[in-house]
């Protein structure tokens, strides 16, 4: 471990880094488990592109959580944004395939 927790602020940033890492892992695991066909049917980027994006996001947030990155870098911010976009937009679209539901419930 290159750094250490020397203050309350360091602890807060470390806990935020752990949270970002968990968020990225959650998105990556969901992308791995989702069939590739669902991405195409939903009109989203391909599964391989999302796996690459979320894989790098997980790598960057792991490095921050392991205290290799001392400050919040633009890569960590981009990683959290990528995982958030996947979980908020892509995950509902690719998970809803095969169900006959509209925006107001089943029809």
N, C-alpha and C. Protein backbone atom coordinates (compact mmCIF):
# COMPACT_ATOMS: atom_id res chain seq x y z
N UNK A 1 0.85 -1.16 0.00
CA UNK A 1 0.00 0.00 0.00
C UNK A 1 0.90 1.23 0.00
N UNK A 2 0.75 2.08 -0.98
CA UNK A 2 1.61 3.24 -1.12
C UNK A 2 1.26 4.34 -0.14
N UNK A 3 -0.01 4.55 0.06
CA UNK A 3 -0.44 5.62 0.95
C UNK A 3 -0.96 5.04 2.24
N UNK A 4 -1.66 5.84 2.93
CA UNK A 4 -2.26 5.42 4.17
C UNK A 4 -3.37 6.38 4.53
N UNK A 5 -4.14 6.00 5.51
CA UNK A 5 -5.21 6.86 5.99
C UNK A 5 -4.66 7.66 7.15
N UNK A 6 -4.50 8.96 6.93
CA UNK A 6 -3.87 9.82 7.93
C UNK A 6 -4.84 10.83 8.53
N UNK A 7 -6.02 10.95 7.94
CA UNK A 7 -6.97 11.92 8.46
C UNK A 7 -8.39 11.44 8.17
N UNK A 8 -9.34 12.15 8.71
CA UNK A 8 -10.75 11.82 8.48
C UNK A 8 -11.09 11.99 7.00
N UNK A 9 -10.53 13.00 6.39
CA UNK A 9 -10.78 13.22 4.97
C UNK A 9 -10.26 12.06 4.12
N UNK A 10 -9.10 11.53 4.46
CA UNK A 10 -8.58 10.35 3.77
C UNK A 10 -9.53 9.18 3.92
N UNK A 11 -10.08 9.01 5.12
CA UNK A 11 -11.03 7.92 5.36
C UNK A 11 -12.29 8.10 4.53
N UNK A 12 -12.79 9.32 4.44
CA UNK A 12 -14.00 9.58 3.64
C UNK A 12 -13.75 9.27 2.17
N UNK A 13 -12.62 9.74 1.64
CA UNK A 13 -12.31 9.46 0.23
C UNK A 13 -12.08 7.98 -0.01
N UNK A 14 -11.50 7.28 0.94
CA UNK A 14 -11.30 5.84 0.79
C UNK A 14 -12.65 5.11 0.78
N UNK A 15 -13.57 5.51 1.66
CA UNK A 15 -14.90 4.89 1.67
C UNK A 15 -15.66 5.19 0.38
N UNK A 16 -15.52 6.40 -0.13
CA UNK A 16 -16.14 6.72 -1.43
C UNK A 16 -15.53 5.87 -2.54
N UNK A 17 -14.23 5.62 -2.48
CA UNK A 17 -13.57 4.77 -3.47
C UNK A 17 -14.08 3.34 -3.39
N UNK A 18 -14.28 2.84 -2.19
CA UNK A 18 -14.84 1.49 -2.01
C UNK A 18 -16.25 1.43 -2.60
N UNK A 19 -17.06 2.45 -2.34
CA UNK A 19 -18.41 2.50 -2.90
C UNK A 19 -18.41 2.54 -4.41
N UNK A 20 -17.50 3.31 -4.99
CA UNK A 20 -17.40 3.39 -6.45
C UNK A 20 -16.97 2.05 -7.03
N UNK A 21 -16.06 1.37 -6.35
CA UNK A 21 -15.62 0.04 -6.80
C UNK A 21 -16.77 -0.95 -6.77
N UNK A 22 -17.55 -0.95 -5.70
CA UNK A 22 -18.70 -1.86 -5.60
C UNK A 22 -19.71 -1.56 -6.70
N UNK A 23 -19.96 -0.28 -6.98
CA UNK A 23 -20.88 0.11 -8.04
C UNK A 23 -20.41 -0.42 -9.40
N UNK A 24 -19.12 -0.29 -9.68
CA UNK A 24 -18.58 -0.76 -10.96
C UNK A 24 -18.61 -2.28 -11.07
N UNK A 25 -18.32 -2.96 -9.97
CA UNK A 25 -18.39 -4.43 -9.99
C UNK A 25 -19.81 -4.89 -10.23
N UNK A 26 -20.79 -4.24 -9.60
CA UNK A 26 -22.20 -4.60 -9.78
C UNK A 26 -22.60 -4.44 -11.25
N UNK A 27 -22.21 -3.33 -11.87
CA UNK A 27 -22.53 -3.11 -13.27
C UNK A 27 -21.82 -4.12 -14.17
N UNK A 28 -20.56 -4.42 -13.88
CA UNK A 28 -19.80 -5.38 -14.69
C UNK A 28 -20.37 -6.78 -14.60
N UNK A 29 -20.73 -7.21 -13.41
CA UNK A 29 -21.31 -8.55 -13.24
C UNK A 29 -22.63 -8.65 -13.98
N UNK A 30 -23.45 -7.61 -13.92
CA UNK A 30 -24.72 -7.65 -14.66
C UNK A 30 -24.47 -7.72 -16.16
N UNK A 31 -23.51 -6.95 -16.66
CA UNK A 31 -23.21 -6.97 -18.09
C UNK A 31 -22.69 -8.34 -18.53
N UNK A 32 -21.91 -8.98 -17.69
CA UNK A 32 -21.40 -10.32 -18.03
C UNK A 32 -22.54 -11.32 -18.10
N UNK A 33 -23.49 -11.22 -17.21
CA UNK A 33 -24.58 -12.20 -17.13
C UNK A 33 -25.68 -11.98 -18.17
N UNK A 34 -25.73 -10.80 -18.78
CA UNK A 34 -26.78 -10.48 -19.75
C UNK A 34 -26.40 -11.00 -21.13
N UNK A 35 -27.32 -11.69 -21.81
CA UNK A 35 -27.01 -12.16 -23.17
C UNK A 35 -26.73 -11.01 -24.14
N UNK A 36 -25.84 -11.24 -25.08
CA UNK A 36 -25.44 -10.21 -26.04
C UNK A 36 -26.61 -9.75 -26.90
N UNK A 37 -27.53 -10.64 -27.17
CA UNK A 37 -28.68 -10.32 -28.01
C UNK A 37 -29.53 -9.21 -27.39
N UNK A 38 -29.64 -9.18 -26.07
CA UNK A 38 -30.47 -8.18 -25.40
C UNK A 38 -29.96 -6.76 -25.65
N UNK A 39 -28.65 -6.60 -25.78
CA UNK A 39 -28.10 -5.27 -26.05
C UNK A 39 -28.51 -4.79 -27.43
N UNK A 40 -28.45 -5.69 -28.40
CA UNK A 40 -28.83 -5.31 -29.77
C UNK A 40 -30.32 -5.03 -29.88
N UNK A 41 -31.13 -5.84 -29.23
CA UNK A 41 -32.58 -5.65 -29.29
C UNK A 41 -32.98 -4.34 -28.62
N UNK A 42 -32.29 -3.97 -27.55
CA UNK A 42 -32.61 -2.74 -26.83
C UNK A 42 -32.05 -1.50 -27.53
N UNK A 43 -31.21 -1.69 -28.56
CA UNK A 43 -30.65 -0.55 -29.28
C UNK A 43 -29.53 0.15 -28.53
N UNK A 44 -28.83 -0.58 -27.70
CA UNK A 44 -27.72 -0.02 -26.91
C UNK A 44 -26.40 -0.43 -27.55
N UNK A 45 -25.29 0.08 -27.01
CA UNK A 45 -23.98 -0.37 -27.46
C UNK A 45 -23.86 -1.87 -27.27
N UNK A 46 -22.95 -2.49 -28.00
CA UNK A 46 -22.82 -3.94 -27.92
C UNK A 46 -22.32 -4.36 -26.54
N UNK A 47 -22.51 -5.62 -26.25
CA UNK A 47 -22.08 -6.18 -24.97
C UNK A 47 -20.57 -6.04 -24.79
N UNK A 48 -19.82 -6.31 -25.85
CA UNK A 48 -18.36 -6.23 -25.74
C UNK A 48 -17.87 -4.82 -25.43
N UNK A 49 -18.52 -3.82 -26.00
CA UNK A 49 -18.13 -2.44 -25.70
C UNK A 49 -18.43 -2.11 -24.24
N UNK A 50 -19.61 -2.53 -23.76
CA UNK A 50 -19.93 -2.27 -22.36
C UNK A 50 -19.01 -3.04 -21.42
N UNK A 51 -18.63 -4.25 -21.80
CA UNK A 51 -17.69 -5.00 -20.97
C UNK A 51 -16.34 -4.30 -20.89
N UNK A 52 -15.88 -3.74 -22.00
CA UNK A 52 -14.61 -3.00 -22.00
C UNK A 52 -14.72 -1.74 -21.14
N UNK A 53 -15.78 -0.98 -21.31
CA UNK A 53 -15.97 0.25 -20.54
C UNK A 53 -16.03 -0.07 -19.05
N UNK A 54 -16.86 -1.04 -18.69
CA UNK A 54 -17.03 -1.36 -17.27
C UNK A 54 -15.81 -2.07 -16.69
N UNK A 55 -15.09 -2.81 -17.52
CA UNK A 55 -13.86 -3.44 -17.05
C UNK A 55 -12.81 -2.40 -16.69
N UNK A 56 -12.62 -1.40 -17.55
CA UNK A 56 -11.68 -0.33 -17.23
C UNK A 56 -12.17 0.49 -16.03
N UNK A 57 -13.47 0.72 -15.96
CA UNK A 57 -14.02 1.45 -14.82
C UNK A 57 -13.75 0.72 -13.51
N UNK A 58 -13.93 -0.59 -13.53
CA UNK A 58 -13.65 -1.39 -12.33
C UNK A 58 -12.17 -1.36 -11.98
N UNK A 59 -11.32 -1.41 -12.98
CA UNK A 59 -9.88 -1.35 -12.75
C UNK A 59 -9.47 -0.02 -12.12
N UNK A 60 -9.99 1.08 -12.64
CA UNK A 60 -9.64 2.40 -12.10
C UNK A 60 -10.14 2.57 -10.67
N UNK A 61 -11.37 2.13 -10.41
CA UNK A 61 -11.90 2.28 -9.05
C UNK A 61 -11.22 1.33 -8.08
N UNK A 62 -10.78 0.18 -8.54
CA UNK A 62 -10.02 -0.72 -7.67
C UNK A 62 -8.69 -0.08 -7.27
N UNK A 63 -8.04 0.55 -8.23
CA UNK A 63 -6.77 1.22 -7.94
C UNK A 63 -6.98 2.33 -6.91
N UNK A 64 -8.06 3.06 -7.03
CA UNK A 64 -8.34 4.12 -6.07
C UNK A 64 -8.67 3.54 -4.70
N UNK A 65 -9.43 2.44 -4.67
CA UNK A 65 -9.79 1.82 -3.40
C UNK A 65 -8.58 1.20 -2.72
N UNK A 66 -7.60 0.77 -3.50
CA UNK A 66 -6.39 0.18 -2.93
C UNK A 66 -5.38 1.27 -2.56
N UNK A 67 -5.80 2.53 -2.63
CA UNK A 67 -4.99 3.70 -2.26
C UNK A 67 -3.79 3.93 -3.15
N UNK A 68 -3.85 3.44 -4.39
CA UNK A 68 -2.79 3.76 -5.34
C UNK A 68 -2.99 5.13 -5.95
N UNK A 69 -4.22 5.58 -6.00
CA UNK A 69 -4.51 6.93 -6.48
C UNK A 69 -4.92 7.77 -5.28
N UNK A 70 -4.14 8.75 -4.93
CA UNK A 70 -4.35 9.50 -3.70
C UNK A 70 -5.50 10.49 -3.80
N UNK A 71 -5.79 11.00 -4.94
CA UNK A 71 -6.83 12.00 -5.08
C UNK A 71 -7.89 11.49 -6.04
N UNK A 72 -9.00 12.17 -6.05
CA UNK A 72 -10.06 11.81 -7.00
C UNK A 72 -9.59 12.28 -8.36
N UNK A 73 -9.36 11.35 -9.25
CA UNK A 73 -8.90 11.71 -10.58
C UNK A 73 -10.07 11.71 -11.55
N UNK A 74 -9.83 12.25 -12.72
CA UNK A 74 -10.86 12.30 -13.74
C UNK A 74 -11.25 10.89 -14.18
N UNK A 75 -10.31 9.94 -14.07
CA UNK A 75 -10.62 8.56 -14.45
C UNK A 75 -11.62 7.94 -13.49
N UNK A 76 -11.51 8.25 -12.22
CA UNK A 76 -12.47 7.72 -11.25
C UNK A 76 -13.85 8.34 -11.44
N UNK A 77 -13.88 9.62 -11.72
CA UNK A 77 -15.16 10.28 -11.98
C UNK A 77 -15.81 9.69 -13.23
N UNK A 78 -15.02 9.49 -14.28
CA UNK A 78 -15.55 8.89 -15.51
C UNK A 78 -16.01 7.46 -15.26
N UNK A 79 -15.32 6.72 -14.41
CA UNK A 79 -15.70 5.35 -14.10
C UNK A 79 -17.05 5.30 -13.39
N UNK A 80 -17.26 6.19 -12.45
CA UNK A 80 -18.54 6.23 -11.74
C UNK A 80 -19.66 6.67 -12.68
N UNK A 81 -19.38 7.61 -13.56
CA UNK A 81 -20.39 8.03 -14.53
C UNK A 81 -20.75 6.89 -15.47
N UNK A 82 -19.75 6.14 -15.94
CA UNK A 82 -20.01 5.01 -16.85
C UNK A 82 -20.86 3.95 -16.16
N UNK A 83 -20.52 3.61 -14.93
CA UNK A 83 -21.30 2.61 -14.20
C UNK A 83 -22.71 3.13 -13.92
N UNK A 84 -22.84 4.40 -13.62
CA UNK A 84 -24.15 4.99 -13.39
C UNK A 84 -25.02 5.00 -14.63
N UNK A 85 -24.43 5.32 -15.77
CA UNK A 85 -25.18 5.29 -17.03
C UNK A 85 -25.63 3.87 -17.33
N UNK A 86 -24.73 2.90 -17.12
CA UNK A 86 -25.10 1.51 -17.39
C UNK A 86 -26.26 1.09 -16.49
N UNK A 87 -26.14 1.36 -15.19
CA UNK A 87 -27.17 0.89 -14.25
C UNK A 87 -28.49 1.63 -14.41
N UNK A 88 -28.44 2.92 -14.77
CA UNK A 88 -29.68 3.70 -14.88
C UNK A 88 -30.36 3.57 -16.24
N UNK A 89 -29.59 3.39 -17.30
CA UNK A 89 -30.16 3.40 -18.64
C UNK A 89 -30.11 2.04 -19.32
N UNK A 90 -28.96 1.42 -19.34
CA UNK A 90 -28.78 0.18 -20.10
C UNK A 90 -29.37 -1.02 -19.37
N UNK A 91 -29.12 -1.13 -18.09
CA UNK A 91 -29.60 -2.29 -17.34
C UNK A 91 -31.11 -2.48 -17.43
N UNK A 92 -31.93 -1.43 -17.21
CA UNK A 92 -33.37 -1.63 -17.36
C UNK A 92 -33.78 -2.01 -18.78
N UNK A 93 -33.09 -1.47 -19.78
CA UNK A 93 -33.45 -1.75 -21.17
C UNK A 93 -33.12 -3.19 -21.55
N UNK A 94 -31.96 -3.67 -21.13
CA UNK A 94 -31.57 -5.03 -21.53
C UNK A 94 -32.20 -6.09 -20.63
N UNK A 95 -32.64 -5.71 -19.44
CA UNK A 95 -33.27 -6.68 -18.54
C UNK A 95 -34.74 -6.88 -18.88
N UNK A 96 -35.37 -5.90 -19.51
CA UNK A 96 -36.79 -5.97 -19.80
C UNK A 96 -37.14 -6.73 -21.07
N UNK A 97 -36.16 -7.31 -21.74
CA UNK A 97 -36.44 -8.02 -22.99
C UNK A 97 -37.21 -9.31 -22.71
N UNK A 98 -38.18 -9.59 -23.55
CA UNK A 98 -38.95 -10.81 -23.41
C UNK A 98 -40.22 -10.62 -22.61
N UNK A 99 -40.37 -9.48 -21.93
CA UNK A 99 -41.59 -9.21 -21.19
C UNK A 99 -42.47 -8.29 -22.01
N UNK A 100 -43.72 -8.54 -21.99
CA UNK A 100 -44.67 -7.74 -22.77
C UNK A 100 -45.21 -6.61 -21.89
N UNK A 101 -44.33 -5.64 -21.61
CA UNK A 101 -44.72 -4.53 -20.75
C UNK A 101 -44.46 -3.21 -21.46
N UNK A 102 -45.38 -2.31 -21.32
CA UNK A 102 -45.21 -0.97 -21.83
C UNK A 102 -44.78 -0.06 -20.70
N UNK A 103 -44.74 1.24 -20.95
CA UNK A 103 -44.32 2.17 -19.90
C UNK A 103 -45.30 2.29 -18.74
N UNK A 104 -46.56 1.83 -18.94
CA UNK A 104 -47.57 1.96 -17.90
C UNK A 104 -48.03 0.61 -17.36
N UNK A 105 -47.24 -0.44 -17.59
CA UNK A 105 -47.59 -1.76 -17.09
C UNK A 105 -47.84 -2.73 -18.21
N UNK A 106 -48.18 -3.96 -17.87
CA UNK A 106 -48.40 -4.98 -18.92
C UNK A 106 -49.68 -4.72 -19.70
N UNK A 107 -49.61 -4.94 -21.00
CA UNK A 107 -50.78 -4.74 -21.88
C UNK A 107 -51.08 -6.01 -22.60
